[in-house]
C-alpha atoms as a PDB file:
ATOM      1  CA  MET A   1     -19.762   8.137  -2.520  1.00  0.00           C
ATOM      2  CA  GLY A   2     -20.520   6.237   1.080  1.00  0.00           C
ATOM      3  CA  ASN A   3     -19.605   8.461   3.640  1.00  0.00           C
ATOM      4  CA  ILE A   4     -22.349   7.540   6.412  1.00  0.00           C
ATOM      5  CA  PHE A   5     -21.949   4.309   8.575  1.00  0.00           C
ATOM      6  CA  GLY A   6     -24.240   3.314  11.349  1.00  0.00           C
ATOM      7  CA  HIS A   7     -28.012   3.004  12.004  1.00  0.00           C
ATOM      8  CA  LEU A   8     -28.870   4.043  15.580  1.00  0.00           C
ATOM      9  CA  PHE A   9     -25.752   5.861  15.798  1.00  0.00           C
ATOM     10  CA  ARG A  10     -25.039   7.391  12.529  1.00  0.00           C
ATOM     11  CA  VAL A  11     -21.640   9.087  11.262  1.00  0.00           C
ATOM     12  CA  THR A  12     -20.925  10.868   8.446  1.00  0.00           C
ATOM     13  CA  THR A  13     -17.419  11.802   7.792  1.00  0.00           C
ATOM     14  CA  PHE A  14     -16.461  15.062   5.208  1.00  0.00           C
ATOM     15  CA  GLY A  15     -13.318  16.738   4.180  1.00  0.00           C
ATOM     16  CA  GLU A  16     -10.051  16.091   2.158  1.00  0.00           C
ATOM     17  CA  SER A  17      -6.596  15.592   3.309  1.00  0.00           C
ATOM     18  CA  HIS A  18      -5.256  19.176   2.057  1.00  0.00           C
ATOM     19  CA  GLY A  19      -8.584  20.893   1.872  1.00  0.00           C
ATOM     20  CA  GLY A  20     -10.059  23.111   4.682  1.00  0.00           C
ATOM     21  CA  GLY A  21     -10.421  20.684   7.452  1.00  0.00           C
ATOM     22  CA  VAL A  22     -11.947  17.231   8.212  1.00  0.00           C
ATOM     23  CA  GLY A  23     -14.471  16.363  10.686  1.00  0.00           C
ATOM     24  CA  VAL A  24     -17.984  14.582  11.028  1.00  0.00           C
ATOM     25  CA  VAL A  25     -21.339  14.829  12.196  1.00  0.00           C
ATOM     26  CA  ILE A  26     -23.162  12.206  14.472  1.00  0.00           C
ATOM     27  CA  ASP A  27     -26.651  11.437  14.462  1.00  0.00           C
ATOM     28  CA  GLY A  28     -28.877   9.427  17.006  1.00  0.00           C
ATOM     29  CA  CYS A  29     -26.391  10.569  20.224  1.00  0.00           C
ATOM     30  CA  PRO A  30     -28.924  10.334  23.105  1.00  0.00           C
ATOM     31  CA  PRO A  31     -29.413  13.818  25.033  1.00  0.00           C
ATOM     32  CA  LYS A  32     -28.197  14.942  28.226  1.00  0.00           C
ATOM     33  CA  LEU A  33     -24.549  13.041  27.982  1.00  0.00           C
ATOM     34  CA  GLU A  34     -22.056  15.203  29.421  1.00  0.00           C
ATOM     35  CA  ILE A  35     -19.663  15.823  26.704  1.00  0.00           C
ATOM     36  CA  ASP A  36     -15.864  17.771  27.270  1.00  0.00           C
ATOM     37  CA  VAL A  37     -14.054  18.423  24.030  1.00  0.00           C
ATOM     38  CA  LYS A  38     -11.264  17.488  26.526  1.00  0.00           C
ATOM     39  CA  GLU A  39     -12.088  13.921  26.116  1.00  0.00           C
ATOM     40  CA  ILE A  40     -12.640  13.941  22.104  1.00  0.00           C
ATOM     41  CA  GLN A  41      -9.102  16.089  21.904  1.00  0.00           C
ATOM     42  CA  TYR A  42      -7.550  13.266  23.957  1.00  0.00           C
ATOM     43  CA  GLU A  43      -8.433  10.543  21.501  1.00  0.00           C
ATOM     44  CA  LEU A  44      -7.475  12.810  18.697  1.00  0.00           C
ATOM     45  CA  ASP A  45      -4.213  13.263  20.356  1.00  0.00           C
ATOM     46  CA  ARG A  46      -3.717   9.833  20.243  1.00  0.00           C
ATOM     47  CA  ARG A  47      -3.697   9.470  16.350  1.00  0.00           C
ATOM     48  CA  ARG A  48      -2.522  12.981  15.632  1.00  0.00           C
ATOM     49  CA  PRO A  49       0.488  12.770  13.143  1.00  0.00           C
ATOM     50  CA  GLY A  50       4.166  13.662  13.954  1.00  0.00           C
ATOM     51  CA  GLN A  51       4.256  12.438  17.691  1.00  0.00           C
ATOM     52  CA  SER A  52       6.601   9.858  17.126  1.00  0.00           C
ATOM     53  CA  LYS A  53       9.729   9.112  15.045  1.00  0.00           C
ATOM     54  CA  ILE A  54       7.757   6.178  13.482  1.00  0.00           C
ATOM     55  CA  THR A  55       4.530   7.924  12.295  1.00  0.00           C
ATOM     56  CA  THR A  56       3.995  10.429   9.431  1.00  0.00           C
ATOM     57  CA  PRO A  57       6.246  13.669   9.555  1.00  0.00           C
ATOM     58  CA  ARG A  58       3.011  15.688   8.902  1.00  0.00           C
ATOM     59  CA  LYS A  59       2.597  18.321  11.640  1.00  0.00           C
ATOM     60  CA  GLU A  60      -1.004  19.033  12.613  1.00  0.00           C
ATOM     61  CA  THR A  61      -2.306  19.919  16.162  1.00  0.00           C
ATOM     62  CA  ASP A  62      -5.571  18.165  15.158  1.00  0.00           C
ATOM     63  CA  THR A  63      -7.774  20.772  17.491  1.00  0.00           C
ATOM     64  CA  CYS A  64     -11.171  20.020  17.171  1.00  0.00           C
ATOM     65  CA  GLU A  65     -14.298  22.228  17.509  1.00  0.00           C
ATOM     66  CA  ILE A  66     -17.824  21.303  18.515  1.00  0.00           C
ATOM     67  CA  LEU A  67     -19.837  23.162  16.031  1.00  0.00           C
ATOM     68  CA  SER A  68     -23.593  21.804  17.022  1.00  0.00           C
ATOM     69  CA  GLY A  69     -25.428  19.376  19.312  1.00  0.00           C
ATOM     70  CA  VAL A  70     -23.787  20.384  22.487  1.00  0.00           C
ATOM     71  CA  PHE A  71     -25.070  23.131  24.977  1.00  0.00           C
ATOM     72  CA  GLU A  72     -23.485  23.609  28.159  1.00  0.00           C
ATOM     73  CA  GLY A  73     -21.105  20.108  28.319  1.00  0.00           C
ATOM     74  CA  GLN A  74     -24.477  18.594  27.328  1.00  0.00           C
ATOM     75  CA  THR A  75     -25.770  16.454  24.248  1.00  0.00           C
ATOM     76  CA  LEU A  76     -28.781  18.168  23.089  1.00  0.00           C
ATOM     77  CA  GLY A  77     -30.026  14.894  21.048  1.00  0.00           C
ATOM     78  CA  THR A  78     -29.781  16.694  17.695  1.00  0.00           C
ATOM     79  CA  PRO A  79     -26.684  16.112  15.225  1.00  0.00           C
ATOM     80  CA  ILE A  80     -23.333  16.919  16.583  1.00  0.00           C
ATOM     81  CA  MET A  81     -20.756  18.432  14.409  1.00  0.00           C
ATOM     82  CA  ILE A  82     -16.961  18.106  15.373  1.00  0.00           C
ATOM     83  CA  LEU A  83     -14.599  20.131  13.100  1.00  0.00           C
ATOM     84  CA  VAL A  84     -10.683  19.873  12.741  1.00  0.00           C
ATOM     85  CA  LYS A  85      -9.301  22.214  10.588  1.00  0.00           C
ATOM     86  CA  ASN A  86      -6.250  21.106   8.471  1.00  0.00           C
ATOM     87  CA  LYS A  87      -2.993  23.463   8.997  1.00  0.00           C
ATOM     88  CA  ASP A  88      -0.188  21.715   7.634  1.00  0.00           C
ATOM     89  CA  THR A  89      -1.167  21.664   3.745  1.00  0.00           C
ATOM     90  CA  ARG A  90       1.384  21.575   1.215  1.00  0.00           C
ATOM     91  CA  PRO A  91      -0.487  21.690  -2.383  1.00  0.00           C
ATOM     92  CA  GLN A  92       2.753  22.409  -4.123  1.00  0.00           C
ATOM     93  CA  ASP A  93       4.450  19.128  -2.841  1.00  0.00           C
ATOM     94  CA  TYR A  94       1.788  17.102  -4.644  1.00  0.00           C
ATOM     95  CA  GLN A  95       1.526  19.380  -8.175  1.00  0.00           C
ATOM     96  CA  GLU A  96       3.253  16.548 -10.192  1.00  0.00           C
ATOM     97  CA  MET A  97       0.382  14.278  -8.851  1.00  0.00           C
ATOM     98  CA  ALA A  98      -2.044  16.328 -10.851  1.00  0.00           C
ATOM     99  CA  ILE A  99      -0.887  14.180 -13.957  1.00  0.00           C
ATOM    100  CA  LYS A 100       0.981  11.089 -12.455  1.00  0.00           C
ATOM    101  CA  TYR A 101      -0.705   8.031 -10.652  1.00  0.00           C
ATOM    102  CA  ARG A 102       0.889   7.011  -7.354  1.00  0.00           C
ATOM    103  CA  PRO A 103       0.872   3.062  -7.147  1.00  0.00           C
ATOM    104  CA  SER A 104      -1.035   1.803  -4.857  1.00  0.00           C
ATOM    105  CA  HIS A 105      -3.000   5.072  -4.393  1.00  0.00           C
ATOM    106  CA  ALA A 106      -6.685   5.898  -4.883  1.00  0.00           C
ATOM    107  CA  ASP A 107      -5.668   8.512  -7.932  1.00  0.00           C
ATOM    108  CA  ALA A 108      -6.484   5.951 -10.860  1.00  0.00           C
ATOM    109  CA  THR A 109      -9.416   4.673  -9.411  1.00  0.00           C
ATOM    110  CA  TYR A 110     -11.096   8.024  -8.361  1.00  0.00           C
ATOM    111  CA  ASP A 111     -10.213   9.427 -11.963  1.00  0.00           C
ATOM    112  CA  ALA A 112     -11.783   6.319 -13.399  1.00  0.00           C
ATOM    113  CA  LYS A 113     -15.258   6.851 -10.986  1.00  0.00           C
ATOM    114  CA  TYR A 114     -15.506  10.533 -11.120  1.00  0.00           C
ATOM    115  CA  GLY A 115     -13.503  11.770 -14.008  1.00  0.00           C
ATOM    116  CA  ILE A 116     -12.234  14.445 -11.094  1.00  0.00           C
ATOM    117  CA  ARG A 117     -10.342  14.429  -7.998  1.00  0.00           C
ATOM    118  CA  ASN A 118      -8.426  16.790  -5.600  1.00  0.00           C
ATOM    119  CA  TRP A 119      -4.904  15.703  -6.439  1.00  0.00           C
ATOM    120  CA  GLN A 120      -3.720  17.728  -3.497  1.00  0.00           C
ATOM    121  CA  GLY A 121      -2.746  14.427  -1.235  1.00  0.00           C
ATOM    122  CA  GLY A 122      -5.159  11.462  -1.020  1.00  0.00           C
ATOM    123  CA  GLY A 123      -8.665  13.329  -0.410  1.00  0.00           C
ATOM    124  CA  ARG A 124     -11.069  11.432   0.921  1.00  0.00           C
ATOM    125  CA  SER A 125      -8.912   8.401   0.865  1.00  0.00           C
ATOM    126  CA  SER A 126      -6.371   9.725   3.156  1.00  0.00           C
ATOM    127  CA  ALA A 127      -5.924   8.154   6.397  1.00  0.00           C
ATOM    128  CA  ARG A 128      -7.299  11.941   7.799  1.00  0.00           C
ATOM    129  CA  GLU A 129     -10.514  10.645   7.138  1.00  0.00           C
ATOM    130  CA  THR A 130     -10.289   8.804  10.354  1.00  0.00           C
ATOM    131  CA  ILE A 131     -10.333  11.770  12.280  1.00  0.00           C
ATOM    132  CA  GLY A 132     -13.987  12.120  12.011  1.00  0.00           C
ATOM    133  CA  ARG A 133     -14.235   8.196  12.980  1.00  0.00           C
ATOM    134  CA  VAL A 134     -12.160   8.858  16.116  1.00  0.00           C
ATOM    135  CA  ALA A 135     -13.847  11.837  17.305  1.00  0.00           C
ATOM    136  CA  ALA A 136     -17.517  10.153  16.813  1.00  0.00           C
ATOM    137  CA  GLY A 137     -15.795   6.997  18.767  1.00  0.00           C
ATOM    138  CA  ALA A 138     -14.873   9.245  21.552  1.00  0.00           C
ATOM    139  CA  ILE A 139     -18.491   9.803  21.733  1.00  0.00           C
ATOM    140  CA  ALA A 140     -19.621   5.882  21.454  1.00  0.00           C
ATOM    141  CA  LYS A 141     -17.095   4.717  23.837  1.00  0.00           C
ATOM    142  CA  LYS A 142     -18.596   7.311  26.555  1.00  0.00           C
ATOM    143  CA  ILE A 143     -22.177   6.070  25.815  1.00  0.00           C
ATOM    144  CA  LEU A 144     -21.184   2.482  26.050  1.00  0.00           C
ATOM    145  CA  GLN A 145     -19.089   2.568  28.906  1.00  0.00           C
ATOM    146  CA  GLN A 146     -21.929   4.958  30.659  1.00  0.00           C
ATOM    147  CA  TYR A 147     -24.999   2.535  29.815  1.00  0.00           C
ATOM    148  CA  SER A 148     -23.385  -0.823  29.269  1.00  0.00           C
ATOM    149  CA  GLY A 149     -19.709  -0.692  31.093  1.00  0.00           C
ATOM    150  CA  VAL A 150     -18.366  -1.920  27.898  1.00  0.00           C
ATOM    151  CA  GLU A 151     -14.525  -1.867  27.544  1.00  0.00           C
ATOM    152  CA  ILE A 152     -12.764  -1.650  24.372  1.00  0.00           C
ATOM    153  CA  VAL A 153      -8.868  -2.166  23.990  1.00  0.00           C
ATOM    154  CA  GLY A 154      -7.275  -2.251  21.052  1.00  0.00           C
ATOM    155  CA  TYR A 155      -3.159  -2.850  20.369  1.00  0.00           C
ATOM    156  CA  VAL A 156      -0.553  -3.510  17.571  1.00  0.00           C
ATOM    157  CA  LYS A 157      -0.766  -7.178  17.484  1.00  0.00           C
ATOM    158  CA  ARG A 158       1.984  -7.660  14.582  1.00  0.00           C
ATOM    159  CA  ILE A 159       4.145  -5.861  12.271  1.00  0.00           C
ATOM    160  CA  LYS A 160       5.434  -7.437   9.363  1.00  0.00           C
ATOM    161  CA  ASN A 161       6.922 -10.628  10.545  1.00  0.00           C
ATOM    162  CA  LEU A 162       7.189  -9.630  14.189  1.00  0.00           C
ATOM    163  CA  GLU A 163       3.887 -10.941  16.179  1.00  0.00           C
ATOM    164  CA  ALA A 164       3.387  -9.964  19.930  1.00  0.00           C
ATOM    165  CA  ILE A 165       2.284 -12.336  22.646  1.00  0.00           C
ATOM    166  CA  VAL A 166      -0.549 -10.992  24.099  1.00  0.00           C
ATOM    167  CA  ASP A 167      -3.407 -12.145  26.845  1.00  0.00           C
ATOM    168  CA  SER A 168      -6.409 -10.631  25.577  1.00  0.00           C
ATOM    169  CA  THR A 169      -8.458 -11.355  28.410  1.00  0.00           C
ATOM    170  CA  THR A 170      -6.220  -9.289  30.865  1.00  0.00           C
ATOM    171  CA  VAL A 171      -4.556  -6.852  28.601  1.00  0.00           C
ATOM    172  CA  THR A 172      -4.846  -2.983  29.718  1.00  0.00           C
ATOM    173  CA  ILE A 173      -5.027   0.331  27.970  1.00  0.00           C
ATOM    174  CA  GLU A 174      -2.091   1.458  30.398  1.00  0.00           C
ATOM    175  CA  GLN A 175       0.011  -1.649  28.518  1.00  0.00           C
ATOM    176  CA  VAL A 176      -0.878  -0.656  25.249  1.00  0.00           C
ATOM    177  CA  GLU A 177      -0.201   3.097  25.783  1.00  0.00           C
ATOM    178  CA  SER A 178       3.582   2.341  27.388  1.00  0.00           C
ATOM    179  CA  ASN A 179       5.299   2.816  24.114  1.00  0.00           C
ATOM    180  CA  ILE A 180       5.154   4.641  20.642  1.00  0.00           C
ATOM    181  CA  VAL A 181       4.208   1.375  18.664  1.00  0.00           C
ATOM    182  CA  ARG A 182       1.127   0.712  21.078  1.00  0.00           C
ATOM    183  CA  CYS A 183       1.943  -2.856  21.558  1.00  0.00           C
ATOM    184  CA  PRO A 184       1.358  -4.318  25.278  1.00  0.00           C
ATOM    185  CA  ASP A 185       4.477  -6.806  24.827  1.00  0.00           C
ATOM    186  CA  THR A 186       7.267  -4.660  25.514  1.00  0.00           C
ATOM    187  CA  GLU A 187       9.964  -6.834  24.215  1.00  0.00           C
ATOM    188  CA  CYS A 188       8.330  -6.955  21.031  1.00  0.00           C
ATOM    189  CA  ALA A 189       7.668  -3.658  20.747  1.00  0.00           C
ATOM    190  CA  GLU A 190      11.254  -2.705  20.960  1.00  0.00           C
ATOM    191  CA  ARG A 191      12.008  -5.086  18.170  1.00  0.00           C
ATOM    192  CA  MET A 192       9.003  -3.497  16.192  1.00  0.00           C
ATOM    193  CA  ILE A 193      10.343  -0.114  16.412  1.00  0.00           C
ATOM    194  CA  GLU A 194      13.752  -0.951  15.065  1.00  0.00           C
ATOM    195  CA  LEU A 195      12.366  -2.800  12.303  1.00  0.00           C
ATOM    196  CA  VAL A 196      10.147   0.415  11.385  1.00  0.00           C
ATOM    197  CA  GLU A 197      13.022   2.592  11.505  1.00  0.00           C
ATOM    198  CA  GLN A 198      15.216   0.202   9.655  1.00  0.00           C
ATOM    199  CA  ILE A 199      12.519  -0.148   7.091  1.00  0.00           C
ATOM    200  CA  ARG A 200      11.843   3.819   6.760  1.00  0.00           C
ATOM    201  CA  ASP A 201      15.686   4.541   6.436  1.00  0.00           C
ATOM    202  CA  GLU A 202      15.560   2.064   3.257  1.00  0.00           C
ATOM    203  CA  GLY A 203      12.651   4.647   2.123  1.00  0.00           C
ATOM    204  CA  ASP A 204      10.323   1.657   2.438  1.00  0.00           C
ATOM    205  CA  SER A 205       7.329   0.764   4.666  1.00  0.00           C
ATOM    206  CA  VAL A 206       5.939  -2.129   6.438  1.00  0.00           C
ATOM    207  CA  GLY A 207       2.155  -3.157   7.274  1.00  0.00           C
ATOM    208  CA  GLY A 208       0.771  -5.321  10.301  1.00  0.00           C
ATOM    209  CA  VAL A 209      -2.059  -6.232  12.162  1.00  0.00           C
ATOM    210  CA  VAL A 210      -4.049  -4.688  14.874  1.00  0.00           C
ATOM    211  CA  GLU A 211      -6.373  -6.673  17.416  1.00  0.00           C
ATOM    212  CA  CYS A 212      -9.105  -5.364  19.309  1.00  0.00           C
ATOM    213  CA  ILE A 213     -10.995  -6.695  22.512  1.00  0.00           C
ATOM    214  CA  VAL A 214     -14.556  -5.652  23.451  1.00  0.00           C
ATOM    215  CA  ARG A 215     -15.430  -6.413  27.221  1.00  0.00           C
ATOM    216  CA  ASN A 216     -18.894  -6.457  28.798  1.00  0.00           C
ATOM    217  CA  LEU A 217     -20.905  -6.583  25.674  1.00  0.00           C
ATOM    218  CA  PRO A 218     -24.239  -7.499  26.589  1.00  0.00           C
ATOM    219  CA  LYS A 219     -25.757 -10.381  24.956  1.00  0.00           C
ATOM    220  CA  GLY A 220     -28.100 -10.258  21.810  1.00  0.00           C
ATOM    221  CA  LEU A 221     -26.590  -7.681  19.760  1.00  0.00           C
ATOM    222  CA  GLY A 222     -26.731  -8.105  16.223  1.00  0.00           C
ATOM    223  CA  SER A 223     -29.376  -9.978  13.994  1.00  0.00           C
ATOM    224  CA  PRO A 224     -29.462 -12.889  11.325  1.00  0.00           C
ATOM    225  CA  VAL A 225     -27.950 -13.049   7.672  1.00  0.00           C
ATOM    226  CA  PHE A 226     -27.303  -9.222   6.497  1.00  0.00           C
ATOM    227  CA  ASP A 227     -27.126  -7.673   9.743  1.00  0.00           C
ATOM    228  CA  LYS A 228     -24.975 -10.049  11.693  1.00  0.00           C
ATOM    229  CA  LEU A 229     -22.688  -8.132  14.241  1.00  0.00           C
ATOM    230  CA  GLU A 230     -19.509  -9.498  12.612  1.00  0.00           C
ATOM    231  CA  ALA A 231     -20.665  -8.189   9.181  1.00  0.00           C
ATOM    232  CA  ASP A 232     -21.141  -4.406  11.047  1.00  0.00           C
ATOM    233  CA  LEU A 233     -18.068  -4.883  12.127  1.00  0.00           C
ATOM    234  CA  ALA A 234     -16.115  -6.103   9.275  1.00  0.00           C
ATOM    235  CA  LYS A 235     -17.915  -3.056   6.971  1.00  0.00           C
ATOM    236  CA  GLY A 236     -16.155  -0.468   9.744  1.00  0.00           C
ATOM    237  CA  VAL A 237     -13.056  -2.105   9.763  1.00  0.00           C
ATOM    238  CA  MET A 238     -12.913  -2.736   6.055  1.00  0.00           C
ATOM    239  CA  SER A 239     -13.790   0.846   5.136  1.00  0.00           C
ATOM    240  CA  LEU A 240     -10.586   2.153   6.841  1.00  0.00           C
ATOM    241  CA  PRO A 241      -7.792   3.259   4.680  1.00  0.00           C
ATOM    242  CA  ALA A 242      -5.389   0.752   4.004  1.00  0.00           C
ATOM    243  CA  SER A 243      -6.981  -1.996   5.428  1.00  0.00           C
ATOM    244  CA  LYS A 244      -6.616  -5.446   3.747  1.00  0.00           C
ATOM    245  CA  GLY A 245      -8.051  -8.297   5.990  1.00  0.00           C
ATOM    246  CA  PHE A 246     -10.657  -8.947   8.949  1.00  0.00           C
ATOM    247  CA  GLU A 247     -10.440 -11.591  11.308  1.00  0.00           C
ATOM    248  CA  ILE A 248     -13.077 -12.370  14.255  1.00  0.00           C
ATOM    249  CA  GLY A 249     -12.475 -15.072  16.841  1.00  0.00           C
ATOM    250  CA  SER A 250     -10.083 -17.916  15.715  1.00  0.00           C
ATOM    251  CA  GLY A 251     -10.273 -16.304  12.124  1.00  0.00           C
ATOM    252  CA  PHE A 252      -8.441 -17.877   9.211  1.00  0.00           C
ATOM    253  CA  ALA A 253      -6.428 -20.170  11.666  1.00  0.00           C
ATOM    254  CA  GLY A 254      -9.698 -21.615  12.516  1.00  0.00           C
ATOM    255  CA  THR A 255      -9.918 -23.557   9.081  1.00  0.00           C
ATOM    256  CA  THR A 256      -7.175 -25.794  10.481  1.00  0.00           C
ATOM    257  CA  LEU A 257      -9.195 -27.178  13.286  1.00  0.00           C
ATOM    258  CA  THR A 258     -11.908 -29.973  13.248  1.00  0.00           C
ATOM    259  CA  GLY A 259     -15.145 -29.026  14.494  1.00  0.00           C
ATOM    260  CA  SER A 260     -14.794 -30.791  17.637  1.00  0.00           C
ATOM    261  CA  GLU A 261     -11.059 -28.687  18.315  1.00  0.00           C
ATOM    262  CA  HIS A 262     -13.116 -25.404  17.026  1.00  0.00           C
ATOM    263  CA  ASN A 263     -16.441 -25.777  19.156  1.00  0.00           C
ATOM    264  CA  ASP A 264     -16.752 -23.421  22.105  1.00  0.00           C
ATOM    265  CA  GLU A 265     -18.706 -25.648  24.660  1.00  0.00           C
ATOM    266  CA  PHE A 266     -21.188 -24.397  27.234  1.00  0.00           C
ATOM    267  CA  TYR A 267     -20.943 -24.405  30.900  1.00  0.00           C
ATOM    268  CA  THR A 268     -22.644 -22.352  33.843  1.00  0.00           C
ATOM    269  CA  ASP A 269     -20.700 -19.838  36.024  1.00  0.00           C
ATOM    270  CA  GLU A 270     -21.266 -19.689  39.590  1.00  0.00           C
ATOM    271  CA  GLN A 271     -23.521 -16.564  38.872  1.00  0.00           C
ATOM    272  CA  GLY A 272     -25.864 -19.080  36.973  1.00  0.00           C
ATOM    273  CA  GLU A 273     -24.788 -17.281  33.386  1.00  0.00           C
ATOM    274  CA  ILE A 274     -24.300 -19.612  30.521  1.00  0.00           C
ATOM    275  CA  ARG A 275     -20.576 -19.049  29.233  1.00  0.00           C
ATOM    276  CA  THR A 276     -18.216 -20.853  26.877  1.00  0.00           C
ATOM    277  CA  LEU A 277     -15.264 -22.420  27.905  1.00  0.00           C
ATOM    278  CA  THR A 278     -13.373 -21.028  24.804  1.00  0.00           C
ATOM    279  CA  ASN A 279     -13.815 -18.084  22.709  1.00  0.00           C
ATOM    280  CA  ARG A 280     -13.024 -19.149  19.267  1.00  0.00           C
ATOM    281  CA  SER A 281     -16.263 -18.085  17.956  1.00  0.00           C
ATOM    282  CA  GLY A 282     -14.858 -14.420  19.000  1.00  0.00           C
ATOM    283  CA  GLY A 283     -17.852 -13.396  21.328  1.00  0.00           C
ATOM    284  CA  ILE A 284     -20.279 -13.964  18.147  1.00  0.00           C
ATOM    285  CA  GLN A 285     -22.558 -17.003  17.194  1.00  0.00           C
ATOM    286  CA  GLY A 286     -25.025 -16.599  14.648  1.00  0.00           C
ATOM    287  CA  GLY A 287     -24.135 -13.212  13.983  1.00  0.00           C
ATOM    288  CA  ILE A 288     -25.288 -12.346  17.770  1.00  0.00           C
ATOM    289  CA  SER A 289     -23.341 -11.486  20.514  1.00  0.00           C
ATOM    290  CA  ASN A 290     -23.156 -14.552  23.283  1.00  0.00           C
ATOM    291  CA  GLY A 291     -21.636 -11.955  26.466  1.00  0.00           C
ATOM    292  CA  GLU A 292     -17.927 -13.175  25.902  1.00  0.00           C
ATOM    293  CA  ASN A 293     -15.172 -10.514  24.914  1.00  0.00           C
ATOM    294  CA  ILE A 294     -15.271  -9.761  21.226  1.00  0.00           C
ATOM    295  CA  VAL A 295     -12.061 -10.456  19.562  1.00  0.00           C
ATOM    296  CA  LEU A 296     -11.402  -8.957  16.150  1.00  0.00           C
ATOM    297  CA  ARG A 297      -8.033  -8.510  13.925  1.00  0.00           C
ATOM    298  CA  ALA A 298      -7.509  -6.113  10.992  1.00  0.00           C
ATOM    299  CA  ALA A 299      -4.913  -6.454   8.730  1.00  0.00           C
ATOM    300  CA  PHE A 300      -3.415  -3.225   7.060  1.00  0.00           C
ATOM    301  CA  LYS A 301      -1.306  -3.333   4.188  1.00  0.00           C
ATOM    302  CA  PRO A 302       2.257  -1.136   3.964  1.00  0.00           C
ATOM    303  CA  THR A 303       1.929   2.496   3.470  1.00  0.00           C
ATOM    304  CA  ALA A 304       1.687   2.994  -0.185  1.00  0.00           C
ATOM    305  CA  THR A 305       3.620   6.969   0.080  1.00  0.00           C
ATOM    306  CA  ILE A 306       7.629   5.517   0.062  1.00  0.00           C
ATOM    307  CA  ARG A 307      10.648   7.207  -1.229  1.00  0.00           C
ATOM    308  CA  LYS A 308      11.651   4.377  -3.413  1.00  0.00           C
ATOM    309  CA  GLU A 309      11.431   5.260  -7.234  1.00  0.00           C
ATOM    310  CA  GLN A 310       8.569   3.181  -8.766  1.00  0.00           C
ATOM    311  CA  ARG A 311       7.204   2.738 -11.958  1.00  0.00           C
ATOM    312  CA  THR A 312       3.787   4.564 -13.308  1.00  0.00           C
ATOM    313  CA  VAL A 313       2.077   6.183 -15.851  1.00  0.00           C
ATOM    314  CA  SER A 314       0.205   9.428 -16.472  1.00  0.00           C
ATOM    315  CA  ARG A 315      -3.601  10.039 -16.666  1.00  0.00           C
ATOM    316  CA  GLU A 316      -3.158   9.775 -20.601  1.00  0.00           C
ATOM    317  CA  GLY A 317      -1.268   6.295 -19.775  1.00  0.00           C
ATOM    318  CA  GLU A 318       2.276   7.576 -20.763  1.00  0.00           C
ATOM    319  CA  GLU A 319       4.964   5.663 -18.783  1.00  0.00           C
ATOM    320  CA  THR A 320       6.762   7.898 -16.509  1.00  0.00           C
END
């Protein structure tokens, strides 16, 4: 299984959704970086289930432990291991799934590939795998801020057919955190919450789009061809559970423009820096960052776990 992501800063996630715990091992973190477990816990609390009426009802504290790589509040330059123990495991709720395949889950494909799977929940395909990513991301974010002043802001851009109007150049994390759906467009956020509640009451689910902005990224990151910056970003995004699409800059909408409409023309700013008048490239040209904001979007399918009755088969192919 592909559990490792990255090169210089390498992340290995581990654990199953209803096993003993989940976590991450981080290689490549520089030494003497001040790390407080509260900083990691803050980010984990933001993704923790059961914190609002529109998220999964699973009750988990997601309390993290740093098992290695940090001493007296500073990184050692050695591998950092972070563990979150699972508390709200309910294997009895999944016994039927030992023989029946849930539509649009990984049950059937895991059986096809490995011939065995932990049927207690989604295992490695569960969204609890992202705990390791969030913990590693908390450390990565601190490195980027400390060494380069990089700022990252992500938010919900669309849920079903409701799309927020957001100025990506000025949006702040405070605006994002102002409501439970984490959409900085407050009026649209209210409609999104109403929609999610309506669909949930019907026993169904919805998908959406998340937009992410990276500011103050230095020029020159990324390489040509297979190591393009957007290719690495796409791999990170598309390996997330339920992800179904990735866009950079103008994305698919850019295909409706002509070359003259789409091109980002250059100019020199007051500090003598070469800039672009527009940012349809999304901060990346030729696979290399150009100093403008990175603008990316990720599409996520509706949650596959729903209350509506659906058709399926058993492991033996019997309809049920």
